Structures are given as structure tokens and as C-alpha cells.
N, C-alpha and C. Protein backbone atom coordinates (compact mmCIF):
# COMPACT_ATOMS: atom_id res chain seq x y z
N MET A 1 -7.60 -43.90 -18.33
CA MET A 1 -6.23 -44.35 -18.14
C MET A 1 -6.23 -45.82 -17.83
N ARG A 2 -5.23 -46.49 -18.29
CA ARG A 2 -5.14 -47.93 -18.07
C ARG A 2 -4.38 -48.26 -16.80
N ASP A 3 -3.53 -47.36 -16.35
CA ASP A 3 -2.73 -47.59 -15.15
C ASP A 3 -3.44 -46.96 -13.96
N GLU A 4 -4.03 -47.81 -13.12
CA GLU A 4 -4.82 -47.32 -11.99
C GLU A 4 -3.96 -46.53 -11.01
N HIS A 5 -2.72 -46.97 -10.79
CA HIS A 5 -1.84 -46.27 -9.85
C HIS A 5 -1.49 -44.87 -10.35
N ALA A 6 -1.21 -44.75 -11.64
CA ALA A 6 -0.92 -43.43 -12.21
C ALA A 6 -2.14 -42.53 -12.14
N ALA A 7 -3.32 -43.10 -12.38
CA ALA A 7 -4.56 -42.32 -12.32
C ALA A 7 -4.78 -41.79 -10.90
N LEU A 8 -4.56 -42.65 -9.92
CA LEU A 8 -4.73 -42.21 -8.53
C LEU A 8 -3.71 -41.14 -8.17
N ASP A 9 -2.49 -41.27 -8.65
CA ASP A 9 -1.47 -40.25 -8.40
C ASP A 9 -1.86 -38.91 -9.01
N ILE A 10 -2.39 -38.95 -10.22
CA ILE A 10 -2.81 -37.72 -10.90
C ILE A 10 -3.94 -37.04 -10.14
N VAL A 11 -4.92 -37.82 -9.70
CA VAL A 11 -6.04 -37.26 -8.95
C VAL A 11 -5.54 -36.67 -7.63
N GLN A 12 -4.64 -37.39 -6.97
CA GLN A 12 -4.10 -36.89 -5.71
C GLN A 12 -3.33 -35.59 -5.92
N ASP A 13 -2.50 -35.52 -6.94
CA ASP A 13 -1.76 -34.29 -7.24
C ASP A 13 -2.71 -33.14 -7.55
N ALA A 14 -3.77 -33.42 -8.29
CA ALA A 14 -4.75 -32.39 -8.62
C ALA A 14 -5.45 -31.88 -7.36
N MET A 15 -5.76 -32.78 -6.45
CA MET A 15 -6.41 -32.37 -5.20
C MET A 15 -5.46 -31.50 -4.37
N LEU A 16 -4.20 -31.88 -4.32
CA LEU A 16 -3.22 -31.08 -3.58
C LEU A 16 -3.07 -29.68 -4.18
N LYS A 17 -3.02 -29.61 -5.50
CA LYS A 17 -2.91 -28.30 -6.15
C LYS A 17 -4.13 -27.45 -5.86
N LEU A 18 -5.31 -28.06 -5.87
CA LEU A 18 -6.54 -27.34 -5.56
C LEU A 18 -6.46 -26.79 -4.13
N ALA A 19 -6.07 -27.64 -3.19
CA ALA A 19 -6.01 -27.21 -1.79
C ALA A 19 -4.94 -26.14 -1.57
N GLU A 20 -3.78 -26.30 -2.21
CA GLU A 20 -2.68 -25.35 -2.02
C GLU A 20 -2.98 -24.00 -2.65
N ASN A 21 -3.49 -24.02 -3.86
CA ASN A 21 -3.63 -22.77 -4.62
C ASN A 21 -4.99 -22.10 -4.50
N TYR A 22 -6.03 -22.86 -4.19
CA TYR A 22 -7.37 -22.29 -4.22
C TYR A 22 -8.15 -22.56 -2.93
N GLY A 23 -7.48 -22.84 -1.84
CA GLY A 23 -8.15 -23.14 -0.58
C GLY A 23 -8.95 -21.98 -0.04
N ASP A 24 -8.60 -20.77 -0.44
CA ASP A 24 -9.30 -19.59 0.05
C ASP A 24 -10.54 -19.23 -0.78
N ARG A 25 -10.80 -19.96 -1.83
CA ARG A 25 -11.95 -19.69 -2.71
C ARG A 25 -13.23 -20.26 -2.10
N PRO A 26 -14.38 -19.75 -2.53
CA PRO A 26 -15.65 -20.32 -2.06
C PRO A 26 -15.81 -21.77 -2.53
N ALA A 27 -16.48 -22.54 -1.73
CA ALA A 27 -16.65 -23.98 -2.01
C ALA A 27 -17.39 -24.24 -3.31
N GLU A 28 -18.23 -23.30 -3.77
CA GLU A 28 -18.98 -23.51 -5.01
C GLU A 28 -18.04 -23.55 -6.22
N GLU A 29 -16.89 -22.93 -6.11
CA GLU A 29 -15.94 -22.88 -7.23
C GLU A 29 -15.08 -24.14 -7.33
N PHE A 30 -15.02 -24.94 -6.28
CA PHE A 30 -14.13 -26.10 -6.26
C PHE A 30 -14.35 -27.09 -7.39
N PRO A 31 -15.61 -27.47 -7.70
CA PRO A 31 -15.78 -28.47 -8.78
C PRO A 31 -15.20 -28.02 -10.12
N MET A 32 -15.45 -26.78 -10.50
CA MET A 32 -14.93 -26.30 -11.79
C MET A 32 -13.41 -26.17 -11.76
N LEU A 33 -12.88 -25.64 -10.66
CA LEU A 33 -11.43 -25.51 -10.54
C LEU A 33 -10.76 -26.88 -10.56
N PHE A 34 -11.35 -27.83 -9.81
CA PHE A 34 -10.77 -29.17 -9.77
C PHE A 34 -10.81 -29.83 -11.14
N GLN A 35 -11.90 -29.64 -11.87
CA GLN A 35 -12.02 -30.22 -13.21
C GLN A 35 -10.91 -29.71 -14.11
N ARG A 36 -10.66 -28.39 -14.09
CA ARG A 36 -9.62 -27.81 -14.94
C ARG A 36 -8.24 -28.28 -14.52
N ILE A 37 -7.98 -28.31 -13.21
CA ILE A 37 -6.68 -28.77 -12.71
C ILE A 37 -6.46 -30.22 -13.09
N LEU A 38 -7.48 -31.03 -12.95
CA LEU A 38 -7.37 -32.45 -13.29
C LEU A 38 -7.13 -32.64 -14.79
N GLN A 39 -7.85 -31.90 -15.63
CA GLN A 39 -7.64 -32.00 -17.08
C GLN A 39 -6.19 -31.64 -17.44
N ASN A 40 -5.68 -30.57 -16.85
CA ASN A 40 -4.30 -30.16 -17.13
C ASN A 40 -3.31 -31.21 -16.63
N ALA A 41 -3.57 -31.79 -15.47
CA ALA A 41 -2.67 -32.81 -14.93
C ALA A 41 -2.65 -34.05 -15.83
N ILE A 42 -3.81 -34.44 -16.32
CA ILE A 42 -3.89 -35.60 -17.23
C ILE A 42 -3.14 -35.30 -18.52
N ARG A 43 -3.36 -34.12 -19.08
CA ARG A 43 -2.68 -33.72 -20.31
C ARG A 43 -1.15 -33.71 -20.10
N ASP A 44 -0.71 -33.15 -18.97
CA ASP A 44 0.72 -33.13 -18.67
C ASP A 44 1.29 -34.54 -18.54
N HIS A 45 0.53 -35.43 -17.90
CA HIS A 45 0.98 -36.82 -17.75
C HIS A 45 1.19 -37.47 -19.12
N PHE A 46 0.23 -37.31 -20.01
CA PHE A 46 0.35 -37.94 -21.32
C PHE A 46 1.46 -37.31 -22.15
N ARG A 47 1.68 -36.01 -22.01
CA ARG A 47 2.79 -35.37 -22.72
C ARG A 47 4.12 -35.91 -22.23
N ARG A 48 4.27 -36.00 -20.90
CA ARG A 48 5.52 -36.55 -20.34
C ARG A 48 5.72 -37.99 -20.79
N GLN A 49 4.64 -38.76 -20.78
CA GLN A 49 4.72 -40.16 -21.19
C GLN A 49 5.13 -40.27 -22.66
N LYS A 50 4.61 -39.38 -23.49
CA LYS A 50 4.95 -39.39 -24.92
C LYS A 50 6.43 -39.09 -25.12
N VAL A 51 6.94 -38.09 -24.42
CA VAL A 51 8.36 -37.74 -24.53
C VAL A 51 9.23 -38.86 -23.99
N ARG A 52 8.84 -39.40 -22.84
CA ARG A 52 9.61 -40.47 -22.21
C ARG A 52 9.68 -41.69 -23.13
N SER A 53 8.55 -42.04 -23.73
CA SER A 53 8.55 -43.22 -24.60
C SER A 53 9.35 -42.97 -25.87
N PHE A 54 9.33 -41.73 -26.37
CA PHE A 54 10.13 -41.40 -27.55
C PHE A 54 11.60 -41.61 -27.26
N TRP A 55 12.08 -41.07 -26.14
CA TRP A 55 13.51 -41.19 -25.81
C TRP A 55 13.89 -42.62 -25.45
N THR A 56 12.99 -43.33 -24.79
CA THR A 56 13.28 -44.73 -24.46
C THR A 56 13.43 -45.54 -25.74
N THR A 57 12.53 -45.33 -26.68
CA THR A 57 12.61 -46.04 -27.96
C THR A 57 13.87 -45.66 -28.71
N LEU A 58 14.19 -44.39 -28.70
CA LEU A 58 15.38 -43.92 -29.40
C LEU A 58 16.63 -44.54 -28.79
N PHE A 59 16.74 -44.50 -27.47
CA PHE A 59 17.94 -45.02 -26.83
C PHE A 59 18.01 -46.54 -26.84
N SER A 60 16.87 -47.22 -26.95
CA SER A 60 16.89 -48.68 -26.96
C SER A 60 17.60 -49.21 -28.21
N SER A 61 17.64 -48.41 -29.27
CA SER A 61 18.34 -48.86 -30.47
C SER A 61 19.86 -48.84 -30.29
N PHE A 62 20.34 -48.21 -29.24
CA PHE A 62 21.77 -48.14 -28.99
C PHE A 62 22.27 -49.25 -28.07
N THR A 63 21.35 -49.99 -27.47
CA THR A 63 21.79 -51.02 -26.54
C THR A 63 22.41 -52.17 -27.31
N PRO A 64 23.45 -52.75 -26.75
CA PRO A 64 24.09 -53.88 -27.43
C PRO A 64 23.17 -55.09 -27.42
N GLN A 65 23.44 -56.02 -28.32
CA GLN A 65 22.61 -57.22 -28.41
C GLN A 65 22.73 -58.09 -27.16
N HIS A 66 23.91 -58.14 -26.58
CA HIS A 66 24.07 -58.89 -25.34
C HIS A 66 23.73 -57.95 -24.17
N ASP A 67 23.21 -58.48 -23.11
CA ASP A 67 22.80 -57.65 -21.98
C ASP A 67 24.02 -57.24 -21.17
N ALA A 68 24.35 -55.98 -21.24
CA ALA A 68 25.43 -55.44 -20.44
C ALA A 68 24.82 -54.50 -19.41
N ASP A 69 25.02 -54.82 -18.14
CA ASP A 69 24.40 -54.03 -17.08
C ASP A 69 24.97 -52.63 -16.99
N ASP A 70 26.23 -52.48 -17.36
CA ASP A 70 26.87 -51.17 -17.21
C ASP A 70 26.87 -50.37 -18.51
N PHE A 71 26.04 -50.76 -19.49
CA PHE A 71 26.00 -50.05 -20.76
C PHE A 71 25.28 -48.72 -20.60
N ASP A 72 25.89 -47.65 -21.09
CA ASP A 72 25.28 -46.32 -21.07
C ASP A 72 25.06 -45.89 -22.51
N PRO A 73 23.79 -45.67 -22.93
CA PRO A 73 23.53 -45.32 -24.32
C PRO A 73 24.20 -44.01 -24.74
N LEU A 74 24.42 -43.12 -23.80
CA LEU A 74 25.07 -41.85 -24.14
C LEU A 74 26.50 -42.06 -24.60
N ASP A 75 27.14 -43.13 -24.12
CA ASP A 75 28.50 -43.43 -24.56
C ASP A 75 28.53 -43.87 -26.02
N ALA A 76 27.42 -44.41 -26.51
CA ALA A 76 27.38 -44.90 -27.88
C ALA A 76 27.08 -43.81 -28.90
N LEU A 77 26.61 -42.68 -28.43
CA LEU A 77 26.27 -41.59 -29.34
C LEU A 77 27.52 -40.90 -29.85
N GLN A 78 27.49 -40.54 -31.11
CA GLN A 78 28.58 -39.79 -31.69
C GLN A 78 28.04 -38.45 -32.16
N ASP A 79 28.85 -37.43 -31.98
CA ASP A 79 28.45 -36.08 -32.34
C ASP A 79 29.31 -35.61 -33.51
N ASN A 80 29.07 -36.21 -34.68
CA ASN A 80 29.88 -35.88 -35.84
C ASN A 80 29.68 -34.45 -36.32
N ASP A 81 28.46 -33.93 -36.16
CA ASP A 81 28.17 -32.57 -36.62
C ASP A 81 28.42 -31.54 -35.53
N ASN A 82 28.93 -31.98 -34.39
CA ASN A 82 29.21 -31.10 -33.27
C ASN A 82 27.94 -30.38 -32.82
N ALA A 83 26.81 -31.09 -32.86
CA ALA A 83 25.51 -30.49 -32.54
C ALA A 83 25.36 -30.20 -31.06
N SER A 84 26.20 -30.81 -30.22
CA SER A 84 26.10 -30.54 -28.78
C SER A 84 26.72 -29.20 -28.43
N GLN A 85 27.46 -28.63 -29.35
CA GLN A 85 28.06 -27.32 -29.14
C GLN A 85 27.07 -26.24 -29.53
N PRO A 86 27.21 -25.04 -28.96
CA PRO A 86 26.31 -23.95 -29.37
C PRO A 86 26.43 -23.68 -30.87
N ALA A 87 25.35 -23.19 -31.44
CA ALA A 87 25.34 -22.89 -32.87
C ALA A 87 26.35 -21.80 -33.18
N ARG A 88 26.85 -21.84 -34.40
CA ARG A 88 27.77 -20.77 -34.83
C ARG A 88 27.01 -19.46 -34.78
N PRO A 89 27.72 -18.36 -34.60
CA PRO A 89 27.03 -17.07 -34.48
C PRO A 89 26.12 -16.75 -35.67
N ASP A 90 26.56 -17.05 -36.88
CA ASP A 90 25.71 -16.74 -38.03
C ASP A 90 24.46 -17.62 -38.06
N ASP A 91 24.60 -18.90 -37.65
CA ASP A 91 23.43 -19.78 -37.58
C ASP A 91 22.47 -19.32 -36.48
N ALA A 92 23.04 -18.94 -35.34
CA ALA A 92 22.20 -18.46 -34.23
C ALA A 92 21.46 -17.19 -34.63
N LEU A 93 22.14 -16.31 -35.34
CA LEU A 93 21.50 -15.07 -35.78
C LEU A 93 20.37 -15.35 -36.75
N SER A 94 20.61 -16.21 -37.74
CA SER A 94 19.55 -16.49 -38.72
C SER A 94 18.37 -17.21 -38.06
N GLN A 95 18.65 -18.07 -37.07
CA GLN A 95 17.55 -18.74 -36.36
C GLN A 95 16.75 -17.72 -35.54
N SER A 96 17.43 -16.82 -34.86
CA SER A 96 16.70 -15.83 -34.07
C SER A 96 15.91 -14.88 -34.98
N GLN A 97 16.44 -14.58 -36.16
CA GLN A 97 15.70 -13.73 -37.10
C GLN A 97 14.45 -14.45 -37.62
N LEU A 98 14.58 -15.74 -37.88
CA LEU A 98 13.44 -16.53 -38.33
C LEU A 98 12.36 -16.58 -37.25
N ILE A 99 12.77 -16.81 -36.01
CA ILE A 99 11.82 -16.86 -34.91
C ILE A 99 11.12 -15.51 -34.75
N ALA A 100 11.89 -14.43 -34.87
CA ALA A 100 11.30 -13.08 -34.76
C ALA A 100 10.31 -12.84 -35.90
N ALA A 101 10.62 -13.31 -37.10
CA ALA A 101 9.72 -13.14 -38.24
C ALA A 101 8.42 -13.92 -38.02
N ILE A 102 8.53 -15.12 -37.48
CA ILE A 102 7.34 -15.93 -37.21
C ILE A 102 6.49 -15.27 -36.13
N GLU A 103 7.14 -14.79 -35.06
CA GLU A 103 6.40 -14.11 -34.00
C GLU A 103 5.71 -12.86 -34.53
N ASP A 104 6.40 -12.12 -35.38
CA ASP A 104 5.81 -10.92 -35.98
C ASP A 104 4.62 -11.31 -36.86
N GLY A 105 4.77 -12.38 -37.62
CA GLY A 105 3.67 -12.86 -38.46
C GLY A 105 2.48 -13.29 -37.64
N LEU A 106 2.74 -13.97 -36.52
CA LEU A 106 1.65 -14.39 -35.64
C LEU A 106 0.92 -13.17 -35.06
N ALA A 107 1.68 -12.12 -34.74
CA ALA A 107 1.07 -10.92 -34.17
C ALA A 107 0.15 -10.23 -35.19
N GLN A 108 0.40 -10.44 -36.47
CA GLN A 108 -0.42 -9.81 -37.51
C GLN A 108 -1.73 -10.56 -37.78
N LEU A 109 -1.82 -11.79 -37.31
CA LEU A 109 -3.03 -12.59 -37.55
C LEU A 109 -4.19 -12.05 -36.71
N PRO A 110 -5.42 -12.23 -37.20
CA PRO A 110 -6.57 -11.90 -36.36
C PRO A 110 -6.55 -12.74 -35.08
N ALA A 111 -7.13 -12.21 -34.03
CA ALA A 111 -7.05 -12.84 -32.71
C ALA A 111 -7.53 -14.29 -32.70
N ARG A 112 -8.66 -14.59 -33.32
CA ARG A 112 -9.20 -15.96 -33.30
C ARG A 112 -8.30 -16.92 -34.08
N GLN A 113 -7.75 -16.46 -35.20
CA GLN A 113 -6.84 -17.31 -35.96
C GLN A 113 -5.57 -17.58 -35.15
N ARG A 114 -5.05 -16.54 -34.53
CA ARG A 114 -3.84 -16.70 -33.73
C ARG A 114 -4.10 -17.66 -32.56
N GLU A 115 -5.25 -17.50 -31.91
CA GLU A 115 -5.60 -18.36 -30.79
C GLU A 115 -5.71 -19.82 -31.23
N ALA A 116 -6.42 -20.07 -32.32
CA ALA A 116 -6.58 -21.44 -32.82
C ALA A 116 -5.23 -22.03 -33.21
N PHE A 117 -4.41 -21.25 -33.90
CA PHE A 117 -3.10 -21.70 -34.35
C PHE A 117 -2.22 -22.08 -33.17
N LEU A 118 -2.16 -21.21 -32.17
CA LEU A 118 -1.30 -21.48 -31.01
C LEU A 118 -1.79 -22.66 -30.19
N LEU A 119 -3.10 -22.77 -30.01
CA LEU A 119 -3.62 -23.90 -29.25
C LEU A 119 -3.37 -25.22 -29.97
N ARG A 120 -3.59 -25.25 -31.27
CA ARG A 120 -3.43 -26.50 -32.03
C ARG A 120 -1.96 -26.89 -32.21
N TYR A 121 -1.13 -25.94 -32.63
CA TYR A 121 0.22 -26.30 -33.02
C TYR A 121 1.28 -26.01 -31.97
N TRP A 122 1.03 -25.07 -31.08
CA TRP A 122 2.01 -24.78 -30.03
C TRP A 122 1.68 -25.59 -28.78
N GLU A 123 0.41 -25.58 -28.36
CA GLU A 123 -0.02 -26.32 -27.18
C GLU A 123 -0.33 -27.78 -27.49
N GLU A 124 -0.35 -28.13 -28.77
CA GLU A 124 -0.58 -29.51 -29.23
C GLU A 124 -1.92 -30.07 -28.78
N MET A 125 -2.94 -29.21 -28.74
CA MET A 125 -4.29 -29.69 -28.43
C MET A 125 -4.92 -30.26 -29.68
N ASP A 126 -5.81 -31.23 -29.51
CA ASP A 126 -6.51 -31.72 -30.68
C ASP A 126 -7.67 -30.77 -31.00
N THR A 127 -8.37 -31.06 -32.08
CA THR A 127 -9.42 -30.16 -32.54
C THR A 127 -10.53 -30.01 -31.51
N ALA A 128 -10.92 -31.09 -30.88
CA ALA A 128 -12.01 -31.03 -29.88
C ALA A 128 -11.59 -30.19 -28.67
N GLU A 129 -10.38 -30.40 -28.19
CA GLU A 129 -9.90 -29.62 -27.04
C GLU A 129 -9.81 -28.14 -27.38
N THR A 130 -9.32 -27.84 -28.58
CA THR A 130 -9.21 -26.45 -29.01
C THR A 130 -10.59 -25.81 -29.11
N ALA A 131 -11.55 -26.55 -29.68
CA ALA A 131 -12.91 -26.04 -29.81
C ALA A 131 -13.50 -25.74 -28.43
N ALA A 132 -13.27 -26.64 -27.48
CA ALA A 132 -13.79 -26.43 -26.13
C ALA A 132 -13.14 -25.21 -25.48
N ALA A 133 -11.84 -25.06 -25.67
CA ALA A 133 -11.13 -23.92 -25.08
C ALA A 133 -11.56 -22.60 -25.70
N MET A 134 -11.84 -22.63 -27.00
CA MET A 134 -12.23 -21.40 -27.70
C MET A 134 -13.73 -21.14 -27.64
N GLY A 135 -14.50 -22.13 -27.25
CA GLY A 135 -15.95 -21.97 -27.19
C GLY A 135 -16.59 -21.91 -28.57
N CYS A 136 -16.10 -22.74 -29.48
CA CYS A 136 -16.66 -22.77 -30.82
C CYS A 136 -16.70 -24.21 -31.32
N SER A 137 -17.14 -24.41 -32.55
CA SER A 137 -17.23 -25.77 -33.10
C SER A 137 -15.87 -26.22 -33.62
N GLU A 138 -15.74 -27.53 -33.80
CA GLU A 138 -14.50 -28.08 -34.36
C GLU A 138 -14.27 -27.59 -35.78
N GLY A 139 -15.35 -27.43 -36.53
CA GLY A 139 -15.24 -26.90 -37.90
C GLY A 139 -14.66 -25.50 -37.90
N SER A 140 -15.07 -24.67 -36.94
CA SER A 140 -14.53 -23.32 -36.84
C SER A 140 -13.03 -23.35 -36.53
N VAL A 141 -12.64 -24.28 -35.66
CA VAL A 141 -11.21 -24.42 -35.32
C VAL A 141 -10.42 -24.77 -36.58
N LYS A 142 -10.93 -25.71 -37.35
CA LYS A 142 -10.24 -26.11 -38.58
C LYS A 142 -10.14 -24.95 -39.56
N THR A 143 -11.20 -24.18 -39.68
CA THR A 143 -11.20 -23.02 -40.57
C THR A 143 -10.19 -21.98 -40.10
N HIS A 144 -10.23 -21.67 -38.80
CA HIS A 144 -9.29 -20.68 -38.25
C HIS A 144 -7.84 -21.12 -38.45
N CYS A 145 -7.57 -22.41 -38.20
CA CYS A 145 -6.20 -22.92 -38.35
C CYS A 145 -5.75 -22.87 -39.81
N SER A 146 -6.62 -23.25 -40.70
CA SER A 146 -6.28 -23.22 -42.12
C SER A 146 -5.98 -21.80 -42.58
N ARG A 147 -6.85 -20.89 -42.21
CA ARG A 147 -6.64 -19.49 -42.60
C ARG A 147 -5.36 -18.94 -41.97
N ALA A 148 -5.11 -19.31 -40.72
CA ALA A 148 -3.91 -18.82 -40.04
C ALA A 148 -2.64 -19.33 -40.71
N THR A 149 -2.60 -20.61 -41.07
CA THR A 149 -1.39 -21.15 -41.70
C THR A 149 -1.16 -20.53 -43.07
N HIS A 150 -2.24 -20.33 -43.83
CA HIS A 150 -2.09 -19.71 -45.15
C HIS A 150 -1.64 -18.25 -45.02
N ALA A 151 -2.25 -17.53 -44.07
CA ALA A 151 -1.88 -16.12 -43.88
C ALA A 151 -0.45 -16.00 -43.37
N LEU A 152 -0.05 -16.87 -42.44
CA LEU A 152 1.32 -16.83 -41.91
C LEU A 152 2.33 -17.17 -43.00
N ALA A 153 2.01 -18.14 -43.83
CA ALA A 153 2.90 -18.48 -44.94
C ALA A 153 3.04 -17.30 -45.91
N ALA A 154 1.94 -16.61 -46.18
CA ALA A 154 1.99 -15.46 -47.08
C ALA A 154 2.81 -14.32 -46.48
N ILE A 155 2.64 -14.09 -45.19
CA ILE A 155 3.40 -13.04 -44.50
C ILE A 155 4.90 -13.35 -44.57
N LEU A 156 5.24 -14.60 -44.30
CA LEU A 156 6.66 -14.99 -44.31
C LEU A 156 7.23 -14.96 -45.73
N LYS A 157 6.40 -15.35 -46.70
CA LYS A 157 6.86 -15.34 -48.09
C LYS A 157 7.19 -13.92 -48.55
N LYS A 158 6.40 -12.94 -48.09
CA LYS A 158 6.68 -11.54 -48.42
C LYS A 158 8.04 -11.10 -47.89
N ARG A 159 8.46 -11.74 -46.80
CA ARG A 159 9.75 -11.42 -46.21
C ARG A 159 10.88 -12.28 -46.80
N GLY A 160 10.53 -13.09 -47.79
CA GLY A 160 11.54 -13.93 -48.43
C GLY A 160 11.82 -15.23 -47.71
N ILE A 161 10.89 -15.66 -46.86
CA ILE A 161 11.07 -16.89 -46.08
C ILE A 161 10.09 -17.92 -46.60
N ASP A 162 10.61 -19.05 -47.06
CA ASP A 162 9.75 -20.12 -47.55
C ASP A 162 10.07 -21.37 -46.71
N LEU A 163 9.15 -21.78 -45.89
CA LEU A 163 9.37 -22.90 -44.98
C LEU A 163 8.95 -24.25 -45.56
N THR A 164 8.49 -24.29 -46.78
CA THR A 164 8.05 -25.57 -47.35
C THR A 164 9.19 -26.39 -47.86
């Protein structure tokens, strides 16, 4: 990390979580538990930073050219498609049916393919992190993910759903 203060905050938060949640565990387990808690805290920090920077960049395009202290970017947004309103019932139904079909398709995948797919695309882990979590090589992760996406696409296509 480049920001020393943020790094110290992350380490401190990880230590607090270790003490709060695992204080009753044997001392031999602390290093491994702390390592996992720290890795998760770092990952969470970078995810939050990524989202924060995305929205900051997005909203910065709405700021006026002159510096107005009382400018609120939300006031500049227009909702022409009424997207801030709940989806129409038919749209909500078709979306929930699509989600159910995807979940059903995921349930049909072999366990390792499903695990690799969810870690890579749902948890947004990179190949190395996924390989470490699954206890296999990066090549195996790539193979499992490729097979999972092809199998899921075939399952959905049988149901008349084409996401391409």
C-alpha cells in the first residue's frame, strides 16, 4: 500500500477483529487467523476504494466549470428513464426469472467449476487468489472457469436465454 496511514488503520482493524472474534482460541492459531483477517481487510479496502473512485470520477463530470461551493451533483442528474423508480412488474418478473435460471444453472455445474466461477466472477478474485483459495494451480482455475462459463451458457441456451 502506498498510503501508510491507511495501511496502519487496516492492520489495527484486523488486530481488533482478531481480539474480538478469536480471543478465546489457542495462541498457536493467531498467526494464521490474523493473516486471513488481514488479507480480507486489505481486499475490502481496495474494493471500497475502487467503488469510491468510480463514483467520484462519475460525479466529477457533473461539476460546473466555475467553482461553486454549494453545488450538489445529484441536483444535476436527470432521470429521463425513471430508473430511480422500482421496475415495472413485468420487468421485475423477467429479471427474477433470469436470476433464478442462472442460479439453477450454477447449481447444475460440477462443484469445482461452480467454486472457480463464483470466486472469479462473483467475488472478483484474480486467478492467483482463486488458485490459492481452491488449492490448485492458476491453469486449473482458468480451465474450471472456462468450462463453467461454456456449460452455464449451454444450460441457459437450452432454456431460451442468450446473454451474448
